[in-house]
Amino acid sequence: MTGPLRGTPPALDREFHHPTRLALAAYLSACGEAEFAVLRDYCQVSDSTLSKTLSALEKTGYVSIRKGYLGKRPRTWAALTLTGRRALARHLAALEEIAATARRAAGAGAEDTGAV
């Protein structure tokens, strides 16, 4: 292949391909830990969907889950692990690289056609 797309493709993380997983990891990256209901409302998903999403990210080691009580009510909290933070940073860097490549390609295409 020639042109601006030549070379090794950026290393996107398959665990963050689903928008809910990416949104969840991004939210958790900005805080130490968050309660299940807060995450559910932020991601605008059902309890079931959030539970499955958290379980999938926990299996990869990207999220840790803590269960406990607030008064007499059971609660679940989630936190992004160091592994998850590093994986998210790599994924975001890969997305930025893809966007930069697209911008360069669009700029090169505009120069080739005489458009500015």
PDB file of N, CA and C in Angstrom:
ATOM      1  N   MET A   1       0.849  -1.169   0.000  1.00  0.00           N
ATOM      2  CA  MET A   1       0.000   0.000   0.000  1.00  0.00           C
ATOM      3  C   MET A   1       0.894   1.231   0.000  1.00  0.00           C
ATOM      4  N   THR A   2       0.476   2.274  -0.700  1.00  0.00           N
ATOM      5  CA  THR A   2       1.257   3.500  -0.751  1.00  0.00           C
ATOM      6  C   THR A   2       0.443   4.649  -0.198  1.00  0.00           C
ATOM      7  N   GLY A   3       1.091   5.791  -0.024  1.00  0.00           N
ATOM      8  CA  GLY A   3       0.378   6.972   0.435  1.00  0.00           C
ATOM      9  C   GLY A   3       0.385   7.097   1.943  1.00  0.00           C
ATOM     10  N   PRO A   4      -0.515   7.949   2.497  1.00  0.00           N
ATOM     11  CA  PRO A   4      -0.493   8.248   3.921  1.00  0.00           C
ATOM     12  C   PRO A   4      -0.924   7.086   4.798  1.00  0.00           C
ATOM     13  N   LEU A   5      -1.475   6.036   4.220  1.00  0.00           N
ATOM     14  CA  LEU A   5      -1.924   4.902   5.022  1.00  0.00           C
ATOM     15  C   LEU A   5      -0.877   3.807   5.121  1.00  0.00           C
ATOM     16  N   ARG A   6       0.310   4.044   4.603  1.00  0.00           N
ATOM     17  CA  ARG A   6       1.379   3.055   4.616  1.00  0.00           C
ATOM     18  C   ARG A   6       1.885   2.847   6.043  1.00  0.00           C
ATOM     19  N   GLY A   7       2.304   1.639   6.336  1.00  0.00           N
ATOM     20  CA  GLY A   7       2.902   1.353   7.638  1.00  0.00           C
ATOM     21  C   GLY A   7       2.020   0.465   8.485  1.00  0.00           C
ATOM     22  N   THR A   8       2.418   0.317   9.733  1.00  0.00           N
ATOM     23  CA  THR A   8       1.708  -0.522  10.676  1.00  0.00           C
ATOM     24  C   THR A   8       0.459   0.198  11.174  1.00  0.00           C
ATOM     25  N   PRO A   9      -0.677  -0.474  11.149  1.00  0.00           N
ATOM     26  CA  PRO A   9      -1.887   0.187  11.638  1.00  0.00           C
ATOM     27  C   PRO A   9      -1.795   0.416  13.152  1.00  0.00           C
ATOM     28  N   PRO A  10      -2.452   1.452  13.664  1.00  0.00           N
ATOM     29  CA  PRO A  10      -2.445   1.711  15.102  1.00  0.00           C
ATOM     30  C   PRO A  10      -3.052   0.537  15.863  1.00  0.00           C
ATOM     31  N   ALA A  11      -2.567   0.324  17.060  1.00  0.00           N
ATOM     32  CA  ALA A  11      -3.000  -0.806  17.877  1.00  0.00           C
ATOM     33  C   ALA A  11      -4.235  -0.454  18.697  1.00  0.00           C
ATOM     34  N   LEU A  12      -5.402  -0.613  18.099  1.00  0.00           N
ATOM     35  CA  LEU A  12      -6.648  -0.416  18.835  1.00  0.00           C
ATOM     36  C   LEU A  12      -6.885  -1.621  19.741  1.00  0.00           C
ATOM     37  N   ASP A  13      -7.475  -1.377  20.900  1.00  0.00           N
ATOM     38  CA  ASP A  13      -7.769  -2.445  21.847  1.00  0.00           C
ATOM     39  C   ASP A  13      -9.175  -2.976  21.586  1.00  0.00           C
ATOM     40  N   ARG A  14      -9.282  -4.241  21.280  1.00  0.00           N
ATOM     41  CA  ARG A  14     -10.577  -4.848  20.957  1.00  0.00           C
ATOM     42  C   ARG A  14     -11.582  -4.712  22.101  1.00  0.00           C
ATOM     43  N   GLU A  15     -11.115  -4.629  23.321  1.00  0.00           N
ATOM     44  CA  GLU A  15     -12.030  -4.512  24.465  1.00  0.00           C
ATOM     45  C   GLU A  15     -12.757  -3.173  24.484  1.00  0.00           C
ATOM     46  N   PHE A  16     -12.219  -2.183  23.795  1.00  0.00           N
ATOM     47  CA  PHE A  16     -12.837  -0.863  23.773  1.00  0.00           C
ATOM     48  C   PHE A  16     -13.570  -0.571  22.468  1.00  0.00           C
ATOM     49  N   HIS A  17     -13.752  -1.571  21.620  1.00  0.00           N
ATOM     50  CA  HIS A  17     -14.466  -1.349  20.359  1.00  0.00           C
ATOM     51  C   HIS A  17     -15.931  -1.007  20.602  1.00  0.00           C
ATOM     52  N   HIS A  18     -16.528  -1.586  21.617  1.00  0.00           N
ATOM     53  CA  HIS A  18     -17.936  -1.298  21.898  1.00  0.00           C
ATOM     54  C   HIS A  18     -18.020   0.062  22.580  1.00  0.00           C
ATOM     55  N   PRO A  19     -18.894   0.946  22.101  1.00  0.00           N
ATOM     56  CA  PRO A  19     -18.973   2.304  22.654  1.00  0.00           C
ATOM     57  C   PRO A  19     -19.243   2.360  24.160  1.00  0.00           C
ATOM     58  N   THR A  20     -20.043   1.430  24.685  1.00  0.00           N
ATOM     59  CA  THR A  20     -20.330   1.450  26.118  1.00  0.00           C
ATOM     60  C   THR A  20     -19.086   1.124  26.922  1.00  0.00           C
ATOM     61  N   ARG A  21     -18.279   0.186  26.455  1.00  0.00           N
ATOM     62  CA  ARG A  21     -17.034  -0.145  27.162  1.00  0.00           C
ATOM     63  C   ARG A  21     -16.078   1.043  27.153  1.00  0.00           C
ATOM     64  N   LEU A  22     -15.979   1.702  26.014  1.00  0.00           N
ATOM     65  CA  LEU A  22     -15.095   2.855  25.908  1.00  0.00           C
ATOM     66  C   LEU A  22     -15.590   3.992  26.798  1.00  0.00           C
ATOM     67  N   ALA A  23     -16.882   4.276  26.774  1.00  0.00           N
ATOM     68  CA  ALA A  23     -17.447   5.343  27.603  1.00  0.00           C
ATOM     69  C   ALA A  23     -17.251   5.043  29.091  1.00  0.00           C
ATOM     70  N   LEU A  24     -17.462   3.803  29.465  1.00  0.00           N
ATOM     71  CA  LEU A  24     -17.297   3.391  30.854  1.00  0.00           C
ATOM     72  C   LEU A  24     -15.848   3.562  31.310  1.00  0.00           C
ATOM     73  N   ALA A  25     -14.918   3.093  30.508  1.00  0.00           N
ATOM     74  CA  ALA A  25     -13.499   3.218  30.856  1.00  0.00           C
ATOM     75  C   ALA A  25     -13.083   4.685  30.921  1.00  0.00           C
ATOM     76  N   ALA A  26     -13.569   5.497  29.985  1.00  0.00           N
ATOM     77  CA  ALA A  26     -13.237   6.918  29.985  1.00  0.00           C
ATOM     78  C   ALA A  26     -13.765   7.592  31.247  1.00  0.00           C
ATOM     79  N   TYR A  27     -14.985   7.266  31.627  1.00  0.00           N
ATOM     80  CA  TYR A  27     -15.569   7.846  32.839  1.00  0.00           C
ATOM     81  C   TYR A  27     -14.752   7.433  34.066  1.00  0.00           C
ATOM     82  N   LEU A  28     -14.448   6.144  34.151  1.00  0.00           N
ATOM     83  CA  LEU A  28     -13.700   5.651  35.311  1.00  0.00           C
ATOM     84  C   LEU A  28     -12.273   6.196  35.355  1.00  0.00           C
ATOM     85  N   SER A  29     -11.725   6.567  34.211  1.00  0.00           N
ATOM     86  CA  SER A  29     -10.362   7.102  34.194  1.00  0.00           C
ATOM     87  C   SER A  29     -10.285   8.448  34.896  1.00  0.00           C
ATOM     88  N   ALA A  30     -11.422   9.122  35.027  1.00  0.00           N
ATOM     89  CA  ALA A  30     -11.458  10.445  35.645  1.00  0.00           C
ATOM     90  C   ALA A  30     -11.789  10.402  37.137  1.00  0.00           C
ATOM     91  N   CYS A  31     -11.992   9.214  37.679  1.00  0.00           N
ATOM     92  CA  CYS A  31     -12.327   9.122  39.104  1.00  0.00           C
ATOM     93  C   CYS A  31     -11.695   7.862  39.690  1.00  0.00           C
ATOM     94  N   GLY A  32     -11.616   7.823  40.978  1.00  0.00           N
ATOM     95  CA  GLY A  32     -11.050   6.647  41.635  1.00  0.00           C
ATOM     96  C   GLY A  32     -11.951   5.434  41.498  1.00  0.00           C
ATOM     97  N   GLU A  33     -13.236   5.668  41.735  1.00  0.00           N
ATOM     98  CA  GLU A  33     -14.210   4.585  41.695  1.00  0.00           C
ATOM     99  C   GLU A  33     -15.587   5.215  41.562  1.00  0.00           C
ATOM    100  N   ALA A  34     -16.521   4.467  40.983  1.00  0.00           N
ATOM    101  CA  ALA A  34     -17.874   4.983  40.799  1.00  0.00           C
ATOM    102  C   ALA A  34     -18.890   3.898  41.128  1.00  0.00           C
ATOM    103  N   GLU A  35     -20.025   4.326  41.632  1.00  0.00           N
ATOM    104  CA  GLU A  35     -21.094   3.410  42.012  1.00  0.00           C
ATOM    105  C   GLU A  35     -21.879   2.980  40.778  1.00  0.00           C
ATOM    106  N   PHE A  36     -22.371   1.764  40.824  1.00  0.00           N
ATOM    107  CA  PHE A  36     -23.057   1.127  39.704  1.00  0.00           C
ATOM    108  C   PHE A  36     -24.125   2.031  39.096  1.00  0.00           C
ATOM    109  N   ALA A  37     -25.007   2.604  39.919  1.00  0.00           N
ATOM    110  CA  ALA A  37     -26.112   3.414  39.403  1.00  0.00           C
ATOM    111  C   ALA A  37     -25.606   4.655  38.674  1.00  0.00           C
ATOM    112  N   VAL A  38     -24.522   5.235  39.147  1.00  0.00           N
ATOM    113  CA  VAL A  38     -23.941   6.408  38.487  1.00  0.00           C
ATOM    114  C   VAL A  38     -23.436   6.013  37.099  1.00  0.00           C
ATOM    115  N   LEU A  39     -22.757   4.881  37.021  1.00  0.00           N
ATOM    116  CA  LEU A  39     -22.241   4.397  35.738  1.00  0.00           C
ATOM    117  C   LEU A  39     -23.378   4.053  34.782  1.00  0.00           C
ATOM    118  N   ARG A  40     -24.405   3.418  35.304  1.00  0.00           N
ATOM    119  CA  ARG A  40     -25.569   3.046  34.477  1.00  0.00           C
ATOM    120  C   ARG A  40     -26.213   4.296  33.887  1.00  0.00           C
ATOM    121  N   ASP A  41     -26.401   5.309  34.724  1.00  0.00           N
ATOM    122  CA  ASP A  41     -27.032   6.538  34.246  1.00  0.00           C
ATOM    123  C   ASP A  41     -26.131   7.272  33.255  1.00  0.00           C
ATOM    124  N   TYR A  42     -24.831   7.299  33.514  1.00  0.00           N
ATOM    125  CA  TYR A  42     -23.903   7.976  32.610  1.00  0.00           C
ATOM    126  C   TYR A  42     -23.900   7.307  31.230  1.00  0.00           C
ATOM    127  N   CYS A  43     -23.836   5.979  31.222  1.00  0.00           N
ATOM    128  CA  CYS A  43     -23.779   5.231  29.957  1.00  0.00           C
ATOM    129  C   CYS A  43     -25.150   5.076  29.311  1.00  0.00           C
ATOM    130  N   GLN A  44     -26.207   5.403  30.044  1.00  0.00           N
ATOM    131  CA  GLN A  44     -27.586   5.292  29.565  1.00  0.00           C
ATOM    132  C   GLN A  44     -27.890   3.885  29.062  1.00  0.00           C
ATOM    133  N   VAL A  45     -27.601   2.908  29.922  1.00  0.00           N
ATOM    134  CA  VAL A  45     -27.869   1.511  29.602  1.00  0.00           C
ATOM    135  C   VAL A  45     -28.659   0.881  30.738  1.00  0.00           C
ATOM    136  N   SER A  46     -29.157  -0.319  30.500  1.00  0.00           N
ATOM    137  CA  SER A  46     -29.898  -1.048  31.530  1.00  0.00           C
ATOM    138  C   SER A  46     -28.933  -1.638  32.546  1.00  0.00           C
ATOM    139  N   ASP A  47     -29.473  -2.051  33.679  1.00  0.00           N
ATOM    140  CA  ASP A  47     -28.660  -2.718  34.700  1.00  0.00           C
ATOM    141  C   ASP A  47     -27.966  -3.943  34.111  1.00  0.00           C
ATOM    142  N   SER A  48     -28.717  -4.711  33.332  1.00  0.00           N
ATOM    143  CA  SER A  48     -28.189  -5.931  32.735  1.00  0.00           C
ATOM    144  C   SER A  48     -27.018  -5.634  31.801  1.00  0.00           C
ATOM    145  N   THR A  49     -27.181  -4.634  30.948  1.00  0.00           N
ATOM    146  CA  THR A  49     -26.118  -4.281  30.002  1.00  0.00           C
ATOM    147  C   THR A  49     -24.882  -3.809  30.739  1.00  0.00           C
ATOM    148  N   LEU A  50     -25.073  -2.965  31.759  1.00  0.00           N
ATOM    149  CA  LEU A  50     -23.916  -2.481  32.513  1.00  0.00           C
ATOM    150  C   LEU A  50     -23.229  -3.632  33.247  1.00  0.00           C
ATOM    151  N   SER A  51     -24.007  -4.523  33.814  1.00  0.00           N
ATOM    152  CA  SER A  51     -23.440  -5.670  34.520  1.00  0.00           C
ATOM    153  C   SER A  51     -22.576  -6.523  33.586  1.00  0.00           C
ATOM    154  N   LYS A  52     -23.087  -6.785  32.389  1.00  0.00           N
ATOM    155  CA  LYS A  52     -22.327  -7.574  31.407  1.00  0.00           C
ATOM    156  C   LYS A  52     -21.069  -6.832  30.967  1.00  0.00           C
ATOM    157  N   THR A  53     -21.185  -5.533  30.783  1.00  0.00           N
ATOM    158  CA  THR A  53     -20.046  -4.723  30.356  1.00  0.00           C
ATOM    159  C   THR A  53     -18.961  -4.726  31.433  1.00  0.00           C
ATOM    160  N   LEU A  54     -19.363  -4.522  32.676  1.00  0.00           N
ATOM    161  CA  LEU A  54     -18.397  -4.541  33.775  1.00  0.00           C
ATOM    162  C   LEU A  54     -17.744  -5.910  33.914  1.00  0.00           C
ATOM    163  N   SER A  55     -18.530  -6.961  33.773  1.00  0.00           N
ATOM    164  CA  SER A  55     -17.983  -8.323  33.872  1.00  0.00           C
ATOM    165  C   SER A  55     -16.947  -8.577  32.786  1.00  0.00           C
ATOM    166  N   ALA A  56     -17.243  -8.139  31.570  1.00  0.00           N
ATOM    167  CA  ALA A  56     -16.301  -8.338  30.464  1.00  0.00           C
ATOM    168  C   ALA A  56     -15.000  -7.595  30.728  1.00  0.00           C
ATOM    169  N   LEU A  57     -15.085  -6.356  31.204  1.00  0.00           N
ATOM    170  CA  LEU A  57     -13.877  -5.576  31.485  1.00  0.00           C
ATOM    171  C   LEU A  57     -13.141  -6.104  32.717  1.00  0.00           C
ATOM    172  N   GLU A  58     -13.873  -6.680  33.651  1.00  0.00           N
ATOM    173  CA  GLU A  58     -13.232  -7.279  34.821  1.00  0.00           C
ATOM    174  C   GLU A  58     -12.429  -8.519  34.412  1.00  0.00           C
ATOM    175  N   LYS A  59     -12.965  -9.325  33.485  1.00  0.00           N
ATOM    176  CA  LYS A  59     -12.266 -10.522  33.011  1.00  0.00           C
ATOM    177  C   LYS A  59     -10.933 -10.185  32.360  1.00  0.00           C
ATOM    178  N   THR A  60     -10.854  -9.029  31.711  1.00  0.00           N
ATOM    179  CA  THR A  60      -9.609  -8.622  31.060  1.00  0.00           C
ATOM    180  C   THR A  60      -8.625  -8.006  32.047  1.00  0.00           C
ATOM    181  N   GLY A  61      -9.111  -7.718  33.253  1.00  0.00           N
ATOM    182  CA  GLY A  61      -8.262  -7.074  34.245  1.00  0.00           C
ATOM    183  C   GLY A  61      -8.269  -5.558  34.134  1.00  0.00           C
ATOM    184  N   TYR A  62      -9.170  -5.007  33.325  1.00  0.00           N
ATOM    185  CA  TYR A  62      -9.232  -3.563  33.123  1.00  0.00           C
ATOM    186  C   TYR A  62     -10.043  -2.853  34.199  1.00  0.00           C
ATOM    187  N   VAL A  63     -10.958  -3.575  34.829  1.00  0.00           N
ATOM    188  CA  VAL A  63     -11.832  -2.993  35.842  1.00  0.00           C
ATOM    189  C   VAL A  63     -11.830  -3.892  37.070  1.00  0.00           C
ATOM    190  N   SER A  64     -11.858  -3.270  38.234  1.00  0.00           N
ATOM    191  CA  SER A  64     -12.042  -4.034  39.469  1.00  0.00           C
ATOM    192  C   SER A  64     -13.420  -3.692  40.029  1.00  0.00           C
ATOM    193  N   ILE A  65     -14.050  -4.683  40.618  1.00  0.00           N
ATOM    194  CA  ILE A  65     -15.393  -4.541  41.168  1.00  0.00           C
ATOM    195  C   ILE A  65     -15.311  -4.733  42.679  1.00  0.00           C
ATOM    196  N   ARG A  66     -15.998  -3.847  43.400  1.00  0.00           N
ATOM    197  CA  ARG A  66     -16.069  -3.963  44.862  1.00  0.00           C
ATOM    198  C   ARG A  66     -17.532  -3.938  45.252  1.00  0.00           C
ATOM    199  N   LYS A  67     -17.915  -4.899  46.067  1.00  0.00           N
ATOM    200  CA  LYS A  67     -19.298  -4.964  46.540  1.00  0.00           C
ATOM    201  C   LYS A  67     -19.307  -4.682  48.035  1.00  0.00           C
ATOM    202  N   GLY A  68     -20.351  -4.008  48.458  1.00  0.00           N
ATOM    203  CA  GLY A  68     -20.470  -3.680  49.874  1.00  0.00           C
ATOM    204  C   GLY A  68     -21.865  -3.162  50.157  1.00  0.00           C
ATOM    205  N   TYR A  69     -21.972  -2.482  51.276  1.00  0.00           N
ATOM    206  CA  TYR A  69     -23.265  -1.951  51.695  1.00  0.00           C
ATOM    207  C   TYR A  69     -23.145  -0.474  52.007  1.00  0.00           C
ATOM    208  N   LEU A  70     -24.200   0.233  51.695  1.00  0.00           N
ATOM    209  CA  LEU A  70     -24.350   1.618  52.099  1.00  0.00           C
ATOM    210  C   LEU A  70     -25.562   1.595  53.011  1.00  0.00           C
ATOM    211  N   GLY A  71     -25.305   1.619  54.312  1.00  0.00           N
ATOM    212  CA  GLY A  71     -26.375   1.345  55.266  1.00  0.00           C
ATOM    213  C   GLY A  71     -26.714  -0.129  55.146  1.00  0.00           C
ATOM    214  N   LYS A  72     -27.963  -0.425  54.893  1.00  0.00           N
ATOM    215  CA  LYS A  72     -28.384  -1.821  54.727  1.00  0.00           C
ATOM    216  C   LYS A  72     -28.568  -2.203  53.271  1.00  0.00           C
ATOM    217  N   ARG A  73     -28.283  -1.268  52.374  1.00  0.00           N
ATOM    218  CA  ARG A  73     -28.499  -1.535  50.951  1.00  0.00           C
ATOM    219  C   ARG A  73     -27.210  -2.005  50.273  1.00  0.00           C
ATOM    220  N   PRO A  74     -27.299  -3.091  49.529  1.00  0.00           N
ATOM    221  CA  PRO A  74     -26.109  -3.551  48.800  1.00  0.00           C
ATOM    222  C   PRO A  74     -25.746  -2.587  47.675  1.00  0.00           C
ATOM    223  N   ARG A  75     -24.463  -2.407  47.479  1.00  0.00           N
ATOM    224  CA  ARG A  75     -23.968  -1.513  46.433  1.00  0.00           C
ATOM    225  C   ARG A  75     -22.797  -2.173  45.718  1.00  0.00           C
ATOM    226  N   THR A  76     -22.581  -1.744  44.476  1.00  0.00           N
ATOM    227  CA  THR A  76     -21.445  -2.210  43.682  1.00  0.00           C
ATOM    228  C   THR A  76     -20.699  -0.984  43.184  1.00  0.00           C
ATOM    229  N   TRP A  77     -19.385  -1.005  43.330  1.00  0.00           N
ATOM    230  CA  TRP A  77     -18.526   0.064  42.837  1.00  0.00           C
ATOM    231  C   TRP A  77     -17.539  -0.521  41.839  1.00  0.00           C
ATOM    232  N   ALA A  78     -17.158   0.266  40.871  1.00  0.00           N
ATOM    233  CA  ALA A  78     -16.185  -0.170  39.869  1.00  0.00           C
ATOM    234  C   ALA A  78     -15.061   0.852  39.801  1.00  0.00           C
ATOM    235  N   ALA A  79     -13.876   0.365  39.478  1.00  0.00           N
ATOM    236  CA  ALA A  79     -12.712   1.233  39.317  1.00  0.00           C
ATOM    237  C   ALA A  79     -11.888   0.709  38.147  1.00  0.00           C
ATOM    238  N   LEU A  80     -11.255   1.623  37.437  1.00  0.00           N
ATOM    239  CA  LEU A  80     -10.350   1.252  36.358  1.00  0.00           C
ATOM    240  C   LEU A  80      -9.016   0.867  36.991  1.00  0.00           C
ATOM    241  N   THR A  81      -8.507  -0.295  36.645  1.00  0.00           N
ATOM    242  CA  THR A  81      -7.228  -0.743  37.189  1.00  0.00           C
ATOM    243  C   THR A  81      -6.075  -0.047  36.462  1.00  0.00           C
ATOM    244  N   LEU A  82      -4.876  -0.209  36.974  1.00  0.00           N
ATOM    245  CA  LEU A  82      -3.707   0.351  36.308  1.00  0.00           C
ATOM    246  C   LEU A  82      -3.573  -0.243  34.903  1.00  0.00           C
ATOM    247  N   THR A  83      -3.823  -1.539  34.779  1.00  0.00           N
ATOM    248  CA  THR A  83      -3.802  -2.194  33.468  1.00  0.00           C
ATOM    249  C   THR A  83      -4.836  -1.561  32.549  1.00  0.00           C
ATOM    250  N   GLY A  84      -6.026  -1.309  33.070  1.00  0.00           N
ATOM    251  CA  GLY A  84      -7.083  -0.681  32.289  1.00  0.00           C
ATOM    252  C   GLY A  84      -6.730   0.738  31.883  1.00  0.00           C
ATOM    253  N   ARG A  85      -6.120   1.483  32.788  1.00  0.00           N
ATOM    254  CA  ARG A  85      -5.709   2.859  32.468  1.00  0.00           C
ATOM    255  C   ARG A  85      -4.671   2.868  31.348  1.00  0.00           C
ATOM    256  N   ARG A  86      -3.727   1.952  31.428  1.00  0.00           N
ATOM    257  CA  ARG A  86      -2.693   1.876  30.380  1.00  0.00           C
ATOM    258  C   ARG A  86      -3.297   1.465  29.043  1.00  0.00           C
ATOM    259  N   ALA A  87      -4.201   0.485  29.081  1.00  0.00           N
ATOM    260  CA  ALA A  87      -4.851   0.018  27.851  1.00  0.00           C
ATOM    261  C   ALA A  87      -5.685   1.140  27.234  1.00  0.00           C
ATOM    262  N   LEU A  88      -6.400   1.888  28.069  1.00  0.00           N
ATOM    263  CA  LEU A  88      -7.203   2.995  27.563  1.00  0.00           C
ATOM    264  C   LEU A  88      -6.308   4.066  26.950  1.00  0.00           C
ATOM    265  N   ALA A  89      -5.201   4.375  27.594  1.00  0.00           N
ATOM    266  CA  ALA A  89      -4.275   5.378  27.059  1.00  0.00           C
ATOM    267  C   ALA A  89      -3.737   4.945  25.693  1.00  0.00           C
ATOM    268  N   ARG A  90      -3.376   3.666  25.558  1.00  0.00           N
ATOM    269  CA  ARG A  90      -2.885   3.163  24.261  1.00  0.00           C
ATOM    270  C   ARG A  90      -3.981   3.231  23.201  1.00  0.00           C
ATOM    271  N   HIS A  91      -5.204   2.866  23.587  1.00  0.00           N
ATOM    272  CA  HIS A  91      -6.328   2.885  22.652  1.00  0.00           C
ATOM    273  C   HIS A  91      -6.603   4.313  22.186  1.00  0.00           C
ATOM    274  N   LEU A  92      -6.622   5.256  23.105  1.00  0.00           N
ATOM    275  CA  LEU A  92      -6.869   6.650  22.741  1.00  0.00           C
ATOM    276  C   LEU A  92      -5.743   7.202  21.865  1.00  0.00           C
ATOM    277  N   ALA A  93      -4.508   6.809  22.158  1.00  0.00           N
ATOM    278  CA  ALA A  93      -3.380   7.240  21.320  1.00  0.00           C
ATOM    279  C   ALA A  93      -3.534   6.689  19.904  1.00  0.00           C
ATOM    280  N   ALA A  94      -3.998   5.448  19.784  1.00  0.00           N
ATOM    281  CA  ALA A  94      -4.209   4.852  18.462  1.00  0.00           C
ATOM    282  C   ALA A  94      -5.321   5.589  17.713  1.00  0.00           C
ATOM    283  N   LEU A  95      -6.397   5.953  18.421  1.00  0.00           N
ATOM    284  CA  LEU A  95      -7.473   6.715  17.785  1.00  0.00           C
ATOM    285  C   LEU A  95      -6.967   8.078  17.320  1.00  0.00           C
ATOM    286  N   GLU A  96      -6.135   8.720  18.138  1.00  0.00           N
ATOM    287  CA  GLU A  96      -5.560  10.014  17.755  1.00  0.00           C
ATOM    288  C   GLU A  96      -4.670   9.869  16.521  1.00  0.00           C
ATOM    289  N   GLU A  97      -3.928   8.775  16.466  1.00  0.00           N
ATOM    290  CA  GLU A  97      -3.063   8.527  15.304  1.00  0.00           C
ATOM    291  C   GLU A  97      -3.900   8.329  14.035  1.00  0.00           C
ATOM    292  N   ILE A  98      -4.988   7.601  14.153  1.00  0.00           N
ATOM    293  CA  ILE A  98      -5.887   7.391  13.015  1.00  0.00           C
ATOM    294  C   ILE A  98      -6.449   8.736  12.544  1.00  0.00           C
ATOM    295  N   ALA A  99      -6.888   9.558  13.493  1.00  0.00           N
ATOM    296  CA  ALA A  99      -7.445  10.869  13.137  1.00  0.00           C
ATOM    297  C   ALA A  99      -6.387  11.750  12.481  1.00  0.00           C
ATOM    298  N   ALA A 100      -5.164  11.734  13.003  1.00  0.00           N
ATOM    299  CA  ALA A 100      -4.085  12.546  12.423  1.00  0.00           C
ATOM    300  C   ALA A 100      -3.754  12.075  11.014  1.00  0.00           C
ATOM    301  N   THR A 101      -3.743  10.777  10.800  1.00  0.00           N
ATOM    302  CA  THR A 101      -3.481  10.228   9.464  1.00  0.00           C
ATOM    303  C   THR A 101      -4.575  10.655   8.495  1.00  0.00           C
ATOM    304  N   ALA A 102      -5.813  10.621   8.960  1.00  0.00           N
ATOM    305  CA  ALA A 102      -6.934  11.040   8.101  1.00  0.00           C
ATOM    306  C   ALA A 102      -6.823  12.524   7.762  1.00  0.00           C
ATOM    307  N   ARG A 103      -6.446  13.338   8.735  1.00  0.00           N
ATOM    308  CA  ARG A 103      -6.289  14.775   8.468  1.00  0.00           C
ATOM    309  C   ARG A 103      -5.166  15.029   7.464  1.00  0.00           C
ATOM    310  N   ARG A 104      -4.057  14.303   7.632  1.00  0.00           N
ATOM    311  CA  ARG A 104      -2.942  14.452   6.682  1.00  0.00           C
ATOM    312  C   ARG A 104      -3.367  14.012   5.283  1.00  0.00           C
ATOM    313  N   ALA A 105      -4.080  12.902   5.200  1.00  0.00           N
ATOM    314  CA  ALA A 105      -4.532  12.398   3.903  1.00  0.00           C
ATOM    315  C   ALA A 105      -5.495  13.384   3.251  1.00  0.00           C
ATOM    316  N   ALA A 106      -6.374  13.965   4.036  1.00  0.00           N
ATOM    317  CA  ALA A 106      -7.318  14.943   3.503  1.00  0.00           C
ATOM    318  C   ALA A 106      -6.579  16.185   3.025  1.00  0.00           C
ATOM    319  N   GLY A 107      -5.559  16.595   3.763  1.00  0.00           N
ATOM    320  CA  GLY A 107      -4.750  17.754   3.352  1.00  0.00           C
ATOM    321  C   GLY A 107      -3.976  17.476   2.094  1.00  0.00           C
ATOM    322  N   ALA A 108      -3.415  16.282   1.972  1.00  0.00           N
ATOM    323  CA  ALA A 108      -2.668  15.909   0.765  1.00  0.00           C
ATOM    324  C   ALA A 108      -3.598  15.836  -0.429  1.00  0.00           C
ATOM    325  N   GLY A 109      -4.810  15.344  -0.211  1.00  0.00           N
ATOM    326  CA  GLY A 109      -5.789  15.254  -1.296  1.00  0.00           C
ATOM    327  C   GLY A 109      -6.212  16.634  -1.764  1.00  0.00           C
ATOM    328  N   ALA A 110      -6.332  17.577  -0.857  1.00  0.00           N
ATOM    329  CA  ALA A 110      -6.718  18.942  -1.223  1.00  0.00           C
ATOM    330  C   ALA A 110      -5.609  19.609  -2.026  1.00  0.00           C
ATOM    331  N   GLU A 111      -4.358  19.335  -1.671  1.00  0.00           N
ATOM    332  CA  GLU A 111      -3.219  19.911  -2.406  1.00  0.00           C
ATOM    333  C   GLU A 111      -3.146  19.319  -3.816  1.00  0.00           C
ATOM    334  N   ASP A 112      -3.416  18.017  -3.940  1.00  0.00           N
ATOM    335  CA  ASP A 112      -3.343  17.347  -5.239  1.00  0.00           C
ATOM    336  C   ASP A 112      -4.396  17.887  -6.206  1.00  0.00           C
ATOM    337  N   THR A 113      -5.552  18.292  -5.686  1.00  0.00           N
ATOM    338  CA  THR A 113      -6.629  18.762  -6.559  1.00  0.00           C
ATOM    339  C   THR A 113      -6.615  20.276  -6.709  1.00  0.00           C
ATOM    340  N   GLY A 114      -5.719  20.933  -5.993  1.00  0.00           N
ATOM    341  CA  GLY A 114      -5.649  22.386  -6.065  1.00  0.00           C
ATOM    342  C   GLY A 114      -6.622  23.064  -5.122  1.00  0.00           C
ATOM    343  N   ALA A 115      -7.398  22.279  -4.357  1.00  0.00           N
ATOM    344  CA  ALA A 115      -8.333  22.860  -3.389  1.00  0.00           C
ATOM    345  C   ALA A 115      -7.557  23.309  -2.151  1.00  0.00           C
ATOM    346  N   VAL A 116      -8.072  24.298  -1.483  1.00  0.00           N
ATOM    347  CA  VAL A 116      -7.400  24.797  -0.265  1.00  0.00           C
ATOM    348  C   VAL A 116      -8.379  24.823   0.863  1.00  0.00           C
TER     349      VAL A 116
END
